[in-house]
């Protein structure tokens, strides 16, 4: 394994996130896939990434009108994606 591969995180999707992707149109699915690839490489910082103030240790990724919320486990190198959805509804659990 080279250093590039070791810097990439594994991603786990919640059932809620999987359902959203499954129901989305093909263009939106591709955009979400590209966003997840970006998050896998740089989960903690970037122009579209912000830490949630209300929930410590959780982050959001801006994707147009959509948001992706997730948490990062640095020791296990895993990203847990909780939710994907429209901006107004995403922060409700």
C-alpha atoms as a PDB file:
ATOM      1  CA  UNK A   1       0.000   0.000   0.000  1.00  0.00           C
ATOM      2  CA  UNK A   2       1.450   3.359  -0.948  1.00  0.00           C
ATOM      3  CA  UNK A   3       1.076   6.573   1.045  1.00  0.00           C
ATOM      4  CA  UNK A   4      -1.729   7.810  -1.234  1.00  0.00           C
ATOM      5  CA  UNK A   5      -3.863   4.745  -0.491  1.00  0.00           C
ATOM      6  CA  UNK A   6      -3.195   4.906   3.240  1.00  0.00           C
ATOM      7  CA  UNK A   7      -4.451   8.498   3.395  1.00  0.00           C
ATOM      8  CA  UNK A   8      -7.905   7.558   2.097  1.00  0.00           C
ATOM      9  CA  UNK A   9     -10.658   6.788   4.618  1.00  0.00           C
ATOM     10  CA  UNK A  10     -13.290   4.053   4.392  1.00  0.00           C
ATOM     11  CA  UNK A  11     -16.892   5.247   4.187  1.00  0.00           C
ATOM     12  CA  UNK A  12     -19.938   3.786   5.921  1.00  0.00           C
ATOM     13  CA  UNK A  13     -23.361   4.994   4.842  1.00  0.00           C
ATOM     14  CA  UNK A  14     -26.361   5.008   7.156  1.00  0.00           C
ATOM     15  CA  UNK A  15     -29.555   3.447   5.868  1.00  0.00           C
ATOM     16  CA  UNK A  16     -31.028   6.930   5.584  1.00  0.00           C
ATOM     17  CA  UNK A  17     -28.144   8.109   3.359  1.00  0.00           C
ATOM     18  CA  UNK A  18     -28.330   4.952   1.220  1.00  0.00           C
ATOM     19  CA  UNK A  19     -32.056   5.472   0.692  1.00  0.00           C
ATOM     20  CA  UNK A  20     -31.545   9.074  -0.366  1.00  0.00           C
ATOM     21  CA  UNK A  21     -28.898   8.092  -2.930  1.00  0.00           C
ATOM     22  CA  UNK A  22     -31.048   5.257  -4.253  1.00  0.00           C
ATOM     23  CA  UNK A  23     -34.045   7.574  -4.793  1.00  0.00           C
ATOM     24  CA  UNK A  24     -32.032  10.420  -6.354  1.00  0.00           C
ATOM     25  CA  UNK A  25     -31.778  10.947 -10.094  1.00  0.00           C
ATOM     26  CA  UNK A  26     -28.624   9.813 -11.915  1.00  0.00           C
ATOM     27  CA  UNK A  27     -27.076  13.302 -12.086  1.00  0.00           C
ATOM     28  CA  UNK A  28     -27.531  13.824  -8.341  1.00  0.00           C
ATOM     29  CA  UNK A  29     -26.130  10.355  -7.633  1.00  0.00           C
ATOM     30  CA  UNK A  30     -22.993  11.232  -9.606  1.00  0.00           C
ATOM     31  CA  UNK A  31     -22.594  14.552  -7.760  1.00  0.00           C
ATOM     32  CA  UNK A  32     -22.976  12.795  -4.403  1.00  0.00           C
ATOM     33  CA  UNK A  33     -20.452  10.144  -5.452  1.00  0.00           C
ATOM     34  CA  UNK A  34     -17.902  12.820  -6.384  1.00  0.00           C
ATOM     35  CA  UNK A  35     -18.509  14.594  -3.071  1.00  0.00           C
ATOM     36  CA  UNK A  36     -17.999  11.362  -1.112  1.00  0.00           C
ATOM     37  CA  UNK A  37     -14.721  10.747  -2.951  1.00  0.00           C
ATOM     38  CA  UNK A  38     -13.554  14.236  -1.961  1.00  0.00           C
ATOM     39  CA  UNK A  39     -14.592  13.628   1.648  1.00  0.00           C
ATOM     40  CA  UNK A  40     -12.698  10.285   1.658  1.00  0.00           C
ATOM     41  CA  UNK A  41      -9.488  12.113   0.762  1.00  0.00           C
ATOM     42  CA  UNK A  42      -9.911  15.208   2.980  1.00  0.00           C
ATOM     43  CA  UNK A  43     -12.658  14.682   5.564  1.00  0.00           C
ATOM     44  CA  UNK A  44     -11.767  17.472   8.002  1.00  0.00           C
ATOM     45  CA  UNK A  45     -11.063  20.514   5.859  1.00  0.00           C
ATOM     46  CA  UNK A  46     -11.924  21.989   2.490  1.00  0.00           C
ATOM     47  CA  UNK A  47     -13.847  24.871   0.945  1.00  0.00           C
ATOM     48  CA  UNK A  48     -17.181  23.037   1.248  1.00  0.00           C
ATOM     49  CA  UNK A  49     -16.620  21.421   4.662  1.00  0.00           C
ATOM     50  CA  UNK A  50     -17.605  22.924   8.013  1.00  0.00           C
ATOM     51  CA  UNK A  51     -17.752  21.482  11.504  1.00  0.00           C
ATOM     52  CA  UNK A  52     -21.239  21.498  13.002  1.00  0.00           C
ATOM     53  CA  UNK A  53     -21.445  23.848  15.959  1.00  0.00           C
ATOM     54  CA  UNK A  54     -24.383  22.076  17.585  1.00  0.00           C
ATOM     55  CA  UNK A  55     -22.948  18.553  17.306  1.00  0.00           C
ATOM     56  CA  UNK A  56     -19.280  18.439  18.188  1.00  0.00           C
ATOM     57  CA  UNK A  57     -17.192  16.107  16.055  1.00  0.00           C
ATOM     58  CA  UNK A  58     -19.653  16.118  13.162  1.00  0.00           C
ATOM     59  CA  UNK A  59     -19.134  17.816   9.828  1.00  0.00           C
ATOM     60  CA  UNK A  60     -21.201  18.904   6.869  1.00  0.00           C
ATOM     61  CA  UNK A  61     -20.335  19.059   3.195  1.00  0.00           C
ATOM     62  CA  UNK A  62     -22.079  21.665   1.036  1.00  0.00           C
ATOM     63  CA  UNK A  63     -23.262  20.300  -2.320  1.00  0.00           C
ATOM     64  CA  UNK A  64     -25.413  23.006  -3.883  1.00  0.00           C
ATOM     65  CA  UNK A  65     -28.742  22.818  -2.075  1.00  0.00           C
ATOM     66  CA  UNK A  66     -27.837  19.425  -0.594  1.00  0.00           C
ATOM     67  CA  UNK A  67     -25.881  18.705   2.566  1.00  0.00           C
ATOM     68  CA  UNK A  68     -23.971  15.622   3.639  1.00  0.00           C
ATOM     69  CA  UNK A  69     -23.488  15.192   7.399  1.00  0.00           C
ATOM     70  CA  UNK A  70     -20.843  12.859   8.738  1.00  0.00           C
ATOM     71  CA  UNK A  71     -18.422  12.039  11.551  1.00  0.00           C
ATOM     72  CA  UNK A  72     -14.769  11.016  11.253  1.00  0.00           C
ATOM     73  CA  UNK A  73     -13.013   8.348  13.313  1.00  0.00           C
ATOM     74  CA  UNK A  74      -9.330   9.146  12.830  1.00  0.00           C
ATOM     75  CA  UNK A  75      -7.975   6.109  14.671  1.00  0.00           C
ATOM     76  CA  UNK A  76      -9.970   3.635  12.539  1.00  0.00           C
ATOM     77  CA  UNK A  77      -9.812   5.850   9.408  1.00  0.00           C
ATOM     78  CA  UNK A  78     -13.585   5.583   8.923  1.00  0.00           C
ATOM     79  CA  UNK A  79     -16.117   8.189   7.857  1.00  0.00           C
ATOM     80  CA  UNK A  80     -19.699   7.556   8.986  1.00  0.00           C
ATOM     81  CA  UNK A  81     -22.162   9.406   6.731  1.00  0.00           C
ATOM     82  CA  UNK A  82     -25.360   9.993   8.671  1.00  0.00           C
ATOM     83  CA  UNK A  83     -27.579  11.899   6.307  1.00  0.00           C
ATOM     84  CA  UNK A  84     -27.812  13.353   2.812  1.00  0.00           C
ATOM     85  CA  UNK A  85     -30.597  15.715   1.889  1.00  0.00           C
ATOM     86  CA  UNK A  86     -31.894  19.216   1.221  1.00  0.00           C
ATOM     87  CA  UNK A  87     -30.447  22.062   3.231  1.00  0.00           C
ATOM     88  CA  UNK A  88     -33.516  22.728   5.379  1.00  0.00           C
ATOM     89  CA  UNK A  89     -34.228  19.136   6.395  1.00  0.00           C
ATOM     90  CA  UNK A  90     -30.730  17.758   6.878  1.00  0.00           C
ATOM     91  CA  UNK A  91     -30.108  18.773  10.487  1.00  0.00           C
ATOM     92  CA  UNK A  92     -33.275  17.136  11.857  1.00  0.00           C
ATOM     93  CA  UNK A  93     -32.635  13.682  13.312  1.00  0.00           C
END
